[in-house]
Amino acid sequence: MSEAEPGEVGGKAVVYVITGTVFSYCIHASFRAKQTLSCEPKILYDLLFAAASQTILSLAGDPKHLGAQTGLVALLHTWGKR
């Protein structure tokens, strides 16, 4: 079991608890892909996130692999100095 930092909702302290198994996936873009993404970032990042989420959801839902109903949180991490 994993606990998140307490937050505040409606003036009351709230702690979110994740029960079950948690998996972490990381998708890296190559230097050439980064150059391409800089041309039309909104469109291409939307496509990247859609493809990644559909892949994870379909593989996790397939009984041959995990056979589970999953949820996911996706974020974009950049290494730039801007």
C-alpha atoms as a PDB file:
ATOM      1  CA  MET A   1       0.000   0.000   0.000  1.00  0.00           C
ATOM      2  CA  SER A   2       1.244   3.475  -0.822  1.00  0.00           C
ATOM      3  CA  GLU A   3       0.145   6.785   0.693  1.00  0.00           C
ATOM      4  CA  ALA A   4       0.269  10.148  -1.032  1.00  0.00           C
ATOM      5  CA  GLU A   5       0.985  13.423   0.717  1.00  0.00           C
ATOM      6  CA  PRO A   6      -2.077  14.789   2.503  1.00  0.00           C
ATOM      7  CA  GLY A   7      -4.086  17.372   0.609  1.00  0.00           C
ATOM      8  CA  GLU A   8      -6.973  19.620   1.537  1.00  0.00           C
ATOM      9  CA  VAL A   9     -10.535  19.308   0.232  1.00  0.00           C
ATOM     10  CA  GLY A  10     -13.299  21.532   1.562  1.00  0.00           C
ATOM     11  CA  GLY A  11     -11.132  22.647   4.476  1.00  0.00           C
ATOM     12  CA  LYS A  12     -10.475  19.059   5.605  1.00  0.00           C
ATOM     13  CA  ALA A  13      -7.205  17.159   5.347  1.00  0.00           C
ATOM     14  CA  VAL A  14      -7.420  14.222   2.920  1.00  0.00           C
ATOM     15  CA  VAL A  15      -4.968  11.371   2.335  1.00  0.00           C
ATOM     16  CA  TYR A  16      -5.255   9.331  -0.863  1.00  0.00           C
ATOM     17  CA  VAL A  17      -4.366   5.652  -0.570  1.00  0.00           C
ATOM     18  CA  ILE A  18      -3.546   3.474  -3.559  1.00  0.00           C
ATOM     19  CA  THR A  19      -4.347  -0.169  -2.892  1.00  0.00           C
ATOM     20  CA  GLY A  20      -3.200  -3.009  -5.100  1.00  0.00           C
ATOM     21  CA  THR A  21      -0.258  -3.275  -7.434  1.00  0.00           C
ATOM     22  CA  VAL A  22       1.134  -0.154  -9.066  1.00  0.00           C
ATOM     23  CA  PHE A  23       3.143  -0.347 -12.295  1.00  0.00           C
ATOM     24  CA  SER A  24       5.224   2.454 -13.743  1.00  0.00           C
ATOM     25  CA  TYR A  25       5.900   2.778 -17.480  1.00  0.00           C
ATOM     26  CA  CYS A  26       8.260   5.244 -19.083  1.00  0.00           C
ATOM     27  CA  ILE A  27       8.234   6.055 -22.796  1.00  0.00           C
ATOM     28  CA  HIS A  28      11.281   7.865 -24.151  1.00  0.00           C
ATOM     29  CA  ALA A  29      11.449   9.917 -27.333  1.00  0.00           C
ATOM     30  CA  SER A  30      14.661   9.877 -29.365  1.00  0.00           C
ATOM     31  CA  PHE A  31      16.464  13.089 -30.347  1.00  0.00           C
ATOM     32  CA  ARG A  32      15.031  12.874 -33.879  1.00  0.00           C
ATOM     33  CA  ALA A  33      11.503  12.412 -32.476  1.00  0.00           C
ATOM     34  CA  LYS A  34      12.028  15.481 -30.273  1.00  0.00           C
ATOM     35  CA  GLN A  35      12.943  17.520 -33.345  1.00  0.00           C
ATOM     36  CA  THR A  36       9.770  16.341 -35.111  1.00  0.00           C
ATOM     37  CA  LEU A  37       7.620  17.033 -32.039  1.00  0.00           C
ATOM     38  CA  SER A  38       8.804  20.638 -31.968  1.00  0.00           C
ATOM     39  CA  CYS A  39       7.135  21.303 -35.373  1.00  0.00           C
ATOM     40  CA  GLU A  40       3.506  20.820 -34.247  1.00  0.00           C
ATOM     41  CA  PRO A  41       3.768  20.054 -30.514  1.00  0.00           C
ATOM     42  CA  LYS A  42       0.043  20.162 -29.586  1.00  0.00           C
ATOM     43  CA  ILE A  43      -1.020  17.762 -32.343  1.00  0.00           C
ATOM     44  CA  LEU A  44       1.936  15.412 -31.981  1.00  0.00           C
ATOM     45  CA  TYR A  45       1.874  15.247 -28.182  1.00  0.00           C
ATOM     46  CA  ASP A  46      -1.867  14.523 -28.316  1.00  0.00           C
ATOM     47  CA  LEU A  47      -1.128  11.650 -30.719  1.00  0.00           C
ATOM     48  CA  LEU A  48       1.732  10.398 -28.534  1.00  0.00           C
ATOM     49  CA  PHE A  49      -0.415  10.361 -25.387  1.00  0.00           C
ATOM     50  CA  ALA A  50      -3.352   8.734 -27.228  1.00  0.00           C
ATOM     51  CA  ALA A  51      -1.139   5.984 -28.664  1.00  0.00           C
ATOM     52  CA  ALA A  52       0.579   5.321 -25.321  1.00  0.00           C
ATOM     53  CA  SER A  53      -2.672   5.194 -23.334  1.00  0.00           C
ATOM     54  CA  GLN A  54      -4.454   2.978 -25.888  1.00  0.00           C
ATOM     55  CA  THR A  55      -1.492   0.580 -25.904  1.00  0.00           C
ATOM     56  CA  ILE A  56      -1.369   0.323 -22.113  1.00  0.00           C
ATOM     57  CA  LEU A  57      -5.157  -0.003 -21.719  1.00  0.00           C
ATOM     58  CA  SER A  58      -5.511  -2.644 -24.439  1.00  0.00           C
ATOM     59  CA  LEU A  59      -2.551  -4.739 -23.245  1.00  0.00           C
ATOM     60  CA  ALA A  60      -3.585  -4.503 -19.593  1.00  0.00           C
ATOM     61  CA  GLY A  61      -7.188  -5.427 -20.469  1.00  0.00           C
ATOM     62  CA  ASP A  62      -6.190  -8.438 -22.571  1.00  0.00           C
ATOM     63  CA  PRO A  63      -6.644 -11.680 -20.557  1.00  0.00           C
ATOM     64  CA  LYS A  64      -3.470 -13.066 -22.179  1.00  0.00           C
ATOM     65  CA  HIS A  65      -1.454 -10.336 -20.473  1.00  0.00           C
ATOM     66  CA  LEU A  66      -3.000  -8.875 -17.319  1.00  0.00           C
ATOM     67  CA  GLY A  67      -6.758  -9.058 -17.888  1.00  0.00           C
ATOM     68  CA  ALA A  68      -7.492  -6.078 -15.679  1.00  0.00           C
ATOM     69  CA  GLN A  69      -9.477  -2.884 -15.775  1.00  0.00           C
ATOM     70  CA  THR A  70      -6.866  -0.183 -15.343  1.00  0.00           C
ATOM     71  CA  GLY A  71      -6.544   3.520 -14.868  1.00  0.00           C
ATOM     72  CA  LEU A  72      -3.563   5.622 -15.702  1.00  0.00           C
ATOM     73  CA  VAL A  73      -1.991   8.976 -15.120  1.00  0.00           C
ATOM     74  CA  ALA A  74       0.174  10.391 -17.892  1.00  0.00           C
ATOM     75  CA  LEU A  75       2.549  13.303 -17.763  1.00  0.00           C
ATOM     76  CA  LEU A  76       5.133  14.917 -19.958  1.00  0.00           C
ATOM     77  CA  HIS A  77       8.571  15.332 -18.420  1.00  0.00           C
ATOM     78  CA  THR A  78      11.050  17.491 -20.271  1.00  0.00           C
ATOM     79  CA  TRP A  79      14.751  17.722 -19.656  1.00  0.00           C
ATOM     80  CA  GLY A  80      15.109  21.186 -21.161  1.00  0.00           C
ATOM     81  CA  LYS A  81      16.310  24.203 -19.211  1.00  0.00           C
ATOM     82  CA  ARG A  82      13.428  26.455 -20.309  1.00  0.00           C
END
